[in-house]
C-alpha atoms as a PDB file:
ATOM      1  CA  MET A   1       2.577  25.742  29.829  1.00  0.00           C
ATOM      2  CA  ARG A   2       0.067  25.874  27.237  1.00  0.00           C
ATOM      3  CA  GLY A   3       2.788  25.173  24.409  1.00  0.00           C
ATOM      4  CA  LEU A   4       3.735  22.103  26.565  1.00  0.00           C
ATOM      5  CA  ILE A   5       0.424  21.077  26.665  1.00  0.00           C
ATOM      6  CA  LEU A   6       0.134  21.448  22.864  1.00  0.00           C
ATOM      7  CA  ALA A   7       3.267  19.935  21.982  1.00  0.00           C
ATOM      8  CA  ALA A   8       2.173  16.655  24.404  1.00  0.00           C
ATOM      9  CA  SER A   9      -1.226  16.560  22.446  1.00  0.00           C
ATOM     10  CA  ALA A  10       0.350  16.671  19.089  1.00  0.00           C
ATOM     11  CA  ALA A  11       2.860  13.978  20.279  1.00  0.00           C
ATOM     12  CA  LEU A  12      -0.064  11.940  21.285  1.00  0.00           C
ATOM     13  CA  VAL A  13      -1.947  12.427  17.851  1.00  0.00           C
ATOM     14  CA  VAL A  14       1.363  11.671  15.988  1.00  0.00           C
ATOM     15  CA  ALA A  15       1.591   8.598  18.175  1.00  0.00           C
ATOM     16  CA  GLY A  16      -1.508   7.291  17.642  1.00  0.00           C
ATOM     17  CA  ALA A  17      -1.640   7.940  13.935  1.00  0.00           C
ATOM     18  CA  ALA A  18       1.556   5.656  13.979  1.00  0.00           C
ATOM     19  CA  SER A  19      -0.133   2.693  15.471  1.00  0.00           C
ATOM     20  CA  ALA A  20      -2.640   2.384  12.245  1.00  0.00           C
ATOM     21  CA  ASP A  21      -2.044  -0.562   9.871  1.00  0.00           C
ATOM     22  CA  VAL A  22      -0.054   1.362   6.616  1.00  0.00           C
ATOM     23  CA  VAL A  23      -2.008   2.209   3.690  1.00  0.00           C
ATOM     24  CA  VAL A  24      -0.716   2.526   0.018  1.00  0.00           C
ATOM     25  CA  SER A  25      -2.472   4.227  -2.489  1.00  0.00           C
ATOM     26  CA  MET A  26      -0.881   3.095  -5.842  1.00  0.00           C
ATOM     27  CA  GLY A  27      -3.827   5.537  -8.267  1.00  0.00           C
ATOM     28  CA  SER A  28      -4.961   4.430 -11.195  1.00  0.00           C
ATOM     29  CA  ALA A  29      -3.593   2.987 -14.659  1.00  0.00           C
ATOM     30  CA  SER A  30      -4.310   1.713 -17.826  1.00  0.00           C
ATOM     31  CA  LEU A  31      -1.898  -1.355 -18.073  1.00  0.00           C
ATOM     32  CA  ALA A  32      -1.193  -3.598 -21.160  1.00  0.00           C
ATOM     33  CA  GLY A  33      -0.072  -7.144 -20.669  1.00  0.00           C
ATOM     34  CA  GLY A  34       3.219  -6.950 -18.733  1.00  0.00           C
ATOM     35  CA  ALA A  35       2.965  -3.357 -17.502  1.00  0.00           C
ATOM     36  CA  SER A  36       3.287  -2.447 -14.145  1.00  0.00           C
ATOM     37  CA  MET A  37       3.494   0.650 -11.752  1.00  0.00           C
ATOM     38  CA  SER A  38       5.191   0.648  -8.314  1.00  0.00           C
ATOM     39  CA  ALA A  39       5.123   2.257  -4.818  1.00  0.00           C
ATOM     40  CA  SER A  40       6.846   2.078  -1.402  1.00  0.00           C
ATOM     41  CA  SER A  41       5.414   1.810   1.756  1.00  0.00           C
ATOM     42  CA  GLY A  42       7.929   4.228   3.259  1.00  0.00           C
ATOM     43  CA  ASP A  43       9.552   3.646   6.445  1.00  0.00           C
ATOM     44  CA  VAL A  44       7.458   1.170   8.550  1.00  0.00           C
ATOM     45  CA  SER A  45       8.363  -0.680  12.052  1.00  0.00           C
ATOM     46  CA  GLY A  46       6.903  -4.175  13.156  1.00  0.00           C
ATOM     47  CA  ALA A  47       6.374  -6.980  11.396  1.00  0.00           C
ATOM     48  CA  MET A  48       3.517  -7.373   8.680  1.00  0.00           C
ATOM     49  CA  THR A  49       0.756 -10.147   9.337  1.00  0.00           C
ATOM     50  CA  GLY A  50      -1.026  -9.597   5.980  1.00  0.00           C
ATOM     51  CA  PHE A  51      -2.183  -7.278   3.463  1.00  0.00           C
ATOM     52  CA  THR A  52      -5.561  -6.447   1.888  1.00  0.00           C
ATOM     53  CA  ILE A  53      -5.788  -4.821  -1.889  1.00  0.00           C
ATOM     54  CA  SER A  54      -8.652  -3.477  -3.541  1.00  0.00           C
ATOM     55  CA  PHE A  55      -9.162  -2.154  -7.165  1.00  0.00           C
ATOM     56  CA  GLY A  56     -11.780  -1.102  -9.646  1.00  0.00           C
ATOM     57  CA  TYR A  57     -11.327  -2.807 -12.719  1.00  0.00           C
ATOM     58  CA  VAL A  58     -12.456  -2.152 -16.361  1.00  0.00           C
ATOM     59  CA  SER A  59     -11.885  -5.170 -18.698  1.00  0.00           C
ATOM     60  CA  GLY A  60      -9.704  -4.334 -22.128  1.00  0.00           C
ATOM     61  CA  GLY A  61     -11.897  -7.150 -23.799  1.00  0.00           C
ATOM     62  CA  GLY A  62     -10.290 -10.156 -25.384  1.00  0.00           C
ATOM     63  CA  GLY A  63     -10.615 -12.786 -22.309  1.00  0.00           C
ATOM     64  CA  ALA A  64      -9.170 -10.499 -19.941  1.00  0.00           C
ATOM     65  CA  TRP A  65      -9.829 -10.750 -16.390  1.00  0.00           C
ATOM     66  CA  ALA A  66      -9.441  -9.287 -13.029  1.00  0.00           C
ATOM     67  CA  SER A  67      -7.719 -11.851 -11.963  1.00  0.00           C
ATOM     68  CA  ASP A  68      -4.958 -10.970 -14.475  1.00  0.00           C
ATOM     69  CA  ALA A  69      -3.587  -8.374 -11.939  1.00  0.00           C
ATOM     70  CA  ALA A  70      -0.567  -9.065 -10.024  1.00  0.00           C
ATOM     71  CA  LEU A  71       0.625  -7.746  -6.879  1.00  0.00           C
ATOM     72  CA  VAL A  72       4.289  -7.918  -5.622  1.00  0.00           C
ATOM     73  CA  ILE A  73       5.431  -7.374  -2.066  1.00  0.00           C
ATOM     74  CA  ASN A  74       9.244  -7.512  -1.253  1.00  0.00           C
ATOM     75  CA  GLY A  75       9.429 -10.190  -4.370  1.00  0.00           C
ATOM     76  CA  ALA A  76       6.528 -12.427  -3.480  1.00  0.00           C
ATOM     77  CA  GLN A  77       3.867 -11.819  -5.970  1.00  0.00           C
ATOM     78  CA  TYR A  78       0.002 -12.973  -5.652  1.00  0.00           C
ATOM     79  CA  GLY A  79      -2.157 -12.980  -8.602  1.00  0.00           C
ATOM     80  CA  GLY A  80      -1.297 -12.661 -12.133  1.00  0.00           C
ATOM     81  CA  TYR A  81      -1.475 -15.273 -15.125  1.00  0.00           C
ATOM     82  CA  ASP A  82       1.683 -15.834 -16.745  1.00  0.00           C
ATOM     83  CA  THR A  83       3.928 -12.975 -15.992  1.00  0.00           C
ATOM     84  CA  LEU A  84       6.242 -12.952 -13.019  1.00  0.00           C
ATOM     85  CA  PHE A  85       7.366  -9.600 -11.889  1.00  0.00           C
ATOM     86  CA  GLY A  86       8.367 -11.162  -8.260  1.00  0.00           C
ATOM     87  CA  THR A  87      10.870 -13.611  -7.458  1.00  0.00           C
ATOM     88  CA  SER A  88       8.441 -15.859  -5.898  1.00  0.00           C
ATOM     89  CA  PHE A  89       4.772 -16.806  -6.971  1.00  0.00           C
ATOM     90  CA  MET A  90       2.547 -17.377  -3.862  1.00  0.00           C
ATOM     91  CA  GLY A  91      -0.614 -18.282  -5.523  1.00  0.00           C
ATOM     92  CA  TYR A  92      -3.617 -17.175  -7.466  1.00  0.00           C
ATOM     93  CA  TRP A  93      -6.746 -14.644  -6.253  1.00  0.00           C
ATOM     94  CA  GLY A  94      -9.867 -16.125  -4.608  1.00  0.00           C
ATOM     95  CA  PHE A  95     -11.577 -14.434  -7.395  1.00  0.00           C
ATOM     96  CA  ASP A  96      -9.460 -15.965 -10.126  1.00  0.00           C
ATOM     97  CA  GLY A  97     -10.721 -16.850 -13.550  1.00  0.00           C
ATOM     98  CA  PRO A  98     -13.647 -15.904 -15.759  1.00  0.00           C
ATOM     99  CA  GLY A  99     -15.520 -15.012 -13.016  1.00  0.00           C
ATOM    100  CA  SER A 100     -13.588 -11.846 -12.592  1.00  0.00           C
ATOM    101  CA  ALA A 101     -14.204 -10.949 -16.372  1.00  0.00           C
ATOM    102  CA  ALA A 102     -16.973  -8.469 -15.181  1.00  0.00           C
ATOM    103  CA  ASP A 103     -16.030  -4.908 -14.598  1.00  0.00           C
ATOM    104  CA  GLY A 104     -16.409  -3.616 -11.192  1.00  0.00           C
ATOM    105  CA  ALA A 105     -14.568  -3.753  -7.353  1.00  0.00           C
ATOM    106  CA  TYR A 106     -12.329  -6.505  -6.556  1.00  0.00           C
ATOM    107  CA  GLY A 107     -10.258  -7.030  -3.418  1.00  0.00           C
ATOM    108  CA  GLU A 108      -9.026  -9.612  -1.118  1.00  0.00           C
ATOM    109  CA  THR A 109      -7.423  -9.875   1.977  1.00  0.00           C
ATOM    110  CA  ARG A 110      -4.251 -12.491   2.321  1.00  0.00           C
ATOM    111  CA  ASN A 111      -1.773 -13.568   5.403  1.00  0.00           C
ATOM    112  CA  HIS A 112       1.590 -12.605   4.645  1.00  0.00           C
ATOM    113  CA  ALA A 113       4.255 -12.602   7.430  1.00  0.00           C
ATOM    114  CA  SER A 114       7.341 -10.453   6.539  1.00  0.00           C
ATOM    115  CA  SER A 115       9.600  -8.181   8.366  1.00  0.00           C
ATOM    116  CA  ALA A 116      11.251  -4.987   6.543  1.00  0.00           C
ATOM    117  CA  ALA A 117      12.034  -1.500   6.914  1.00  0.00           C
ATOM    118  CA  ALA A 118       9.803  -0.762   3.827  1.00  0.00           C
ATOM    119  CA  PHE A 119       7.928  -2.506   1.479  1.00  0.00           C
ATOM    120  CA  ASN A 120       8.245  -2.089  -2.119  1.00  0.00           C
ATOM    121  CA  LEU A 121       5.090  -2.585  -4.088  1.00  0.00           C
ATOM    122  CA  VAL A 122       4.674  -3.354  -7.704  1.00  0.00           C
ATOM    123  CA  PHE A 123       1.374  -3.967  -9.425  1.00  0.00           C
ATOM    124  CA  GLY A 124       0.505  -5.014 -12.865  1.00  0.00           C
ATOM    125  CA  ASN A 125      -0.968  -6.717 -15.533  1.00  0.00           C
ATOM    126  CA  GLY A 126       0.142 -10.473 -15.158  1.00  0.00           C
ATOM    127  CA  TRP A 127      -1.095 -11.915 -18.363  1.00  0.00           C
ATOM    128  CA  SER A 128       1.802 -11.127 -20.817  1.00  0.00           C
ATOM    129  CA  THR A 129      -0.393 -10.630 -23.847  1.00  0.00           C
ATOM    130  CA  GLY A 130      -3.350  -9.054 -22.210  1.00  0.00           C
ATOM    131  CA  PRO A 131      -5.116  -6.169 -23.923  1.00  0.00           C
ATOM    132  CA  VAL A 132      -4.897  -2.625 -22.038  1.00  0.00           C
ATOM    133  CA  SER A 133      -7.094  -3.192 -18.917  1.00  0.00           C
ATOM    134  CA  SER A 134      -7.714  -0.445 -16.451  1.00  0.00           C
ATOM    135  CA  PHE A 135      -7.028  -0.912 -12.868  1.00  0.00           C
ATOM    136  CA  ASN A 136      -8.272   2.446 -10.782  1.00  0.00           C
ATOM    137  CA  ASP A 137      -7.726   3.224  -7.513  1.00  0.00           C
ATOM    138  CA  VAL A 138      -5.335   0.489  -6.361  1.00  0.00           C
ATOM    139  CA  THR A 139      -5.001   0.473  -2.798  1.00  0.00           C
ATOM    140  CA  VAL A 140      -2.613  -1.778  -0.416  1.00  0.00           C
ATOM    141  CA  THR A 141      -3.406  -2.079   3.136  1.00  0.00           C
ATOM    142  CA  LEU A 142      -0.300  -3.476   5.049  1.00  0.00           C
ATOM    143  CA  HIS A 143      -1.549  -4.867   8.252  1.00  0.00           C
ATOM    144  CA  GLY A 144       0.709  -5.288  11.432  1.00  0.00           C
ATOM    145  CA  VAL A 145       3.191  -2.317  10.757  1.00  0.00           C
ATOM    146  CA  ASN A 146       3.222   0.992  11.961  1.00  0.00           C
ATOM    147  CA  ALA A 147       4.497   3.894   9.906  1.00  0.00           C
ATOM    148  CA  VAL A 148       7.458   5.649  11.129  1.00  0.00           C
ATOM    149  CA  PRO A 149       7.244   9.471  11.336  1.00  0.00           C
ATOM    150  CA  ALA A 150       9.576  11.609   9.129  1.00  0.00           C
ATOM    151  CA  PRO A 151      12.547  12.819  11.264  1.00  0.00           C
ATOM    152  CA  GLY A 152      11.341  16.449   9.817  1.00  0.00           C
ATOM    153  CA  ALA A 153       7.821  16.040  11.586  1.00  0.00           C
ATOM    154  CA  LEU A 154       9.211  15.364  15.193  1.00  0.00           C
ATOM    155  CA  ALA A 155      11.677  18.136  14.882  1.00  0.00           C
ATOM    156  CA  LEU A 156       8.961  20.724  14.215  1.00  0.00           C
ATOM    157  CA  LEU A 157       6.810  19.323  16.828  1.00  0.00           C
ATOM    158  CA  GLY A 158       9.863  20.010  19.297  1.00  0.00           C
ATOM    159  CA  LEU A 159      10.406  23.433  17.778  1.00  0.00           C
ATOM    160  CA  ALA A 160       6.509  23.961  18.377  1.00  0.00           C
ATOM    161  CA  GLY A 161       7.231  23.146  21.989  1.00  0.00           C
ATOM    162  CA  PHE A 162       9.979  24.872  22.427  1.00  0.00           C
ATOM    163  CA  ALA A 163       8.744  28.363  21.117  1.00  0.00           C
ATOM    164  CA  GLY A 164       5.599  27.895  23.070  1.00  0.00           C
ATOM    165  CA  ARG A 165       7.667  27.475  26.573  1.00  0.00           C
ATOM    166  CA  ARG A 166       9.903  30.107  25.122  1.00  0.00           C
ATOM    167  CA  ARG A 167       7.170  32.660  24.565  1.00  0.00           C
ATOM    168  CA  ARG A 168       5.853  32.054  28.032  1.00  0.00           C
ATOM    169  CA  ALA A 169       9.119  32.937  29.583  1.00  0.00           C
ATOM    170  CA  CYS A 170       9.331  36.329  28.020  1.00  0.00           C
END
């Protein structure tokens, strides 16, 4: 019985963790103009209602701005200057322009309605001739979607419950 209770408790923890927004940490990179990095949300369920992006910026000089940063979510690009990494341009950042020339933390929340089994993300320096600038701790939070637990995690949870029940029977 104790094993069954532990297995049920673990299942509730997994279910509770799956009901949160999905956070994708893309890491840090020094990117020249036109360079990018990519990541995936992994398998998700639900419909995305929007996203929040945050990153630290260190200018490479020469007129570079934090708003040169571009984020593409399944083909839809936000931000950037003259480089299109996606298939459609959705608009500039609210911190667009020379006001974003200073080093520091930048972020924004946007509405973005979309459904997919997984979201492919591309983050890049969207100014084609931009100098190498550093984008640190790039994090994208996808609102309204849930992470789908990996099948292996669910199988392990089932085995734990089975082992606990079998031990009691012996």
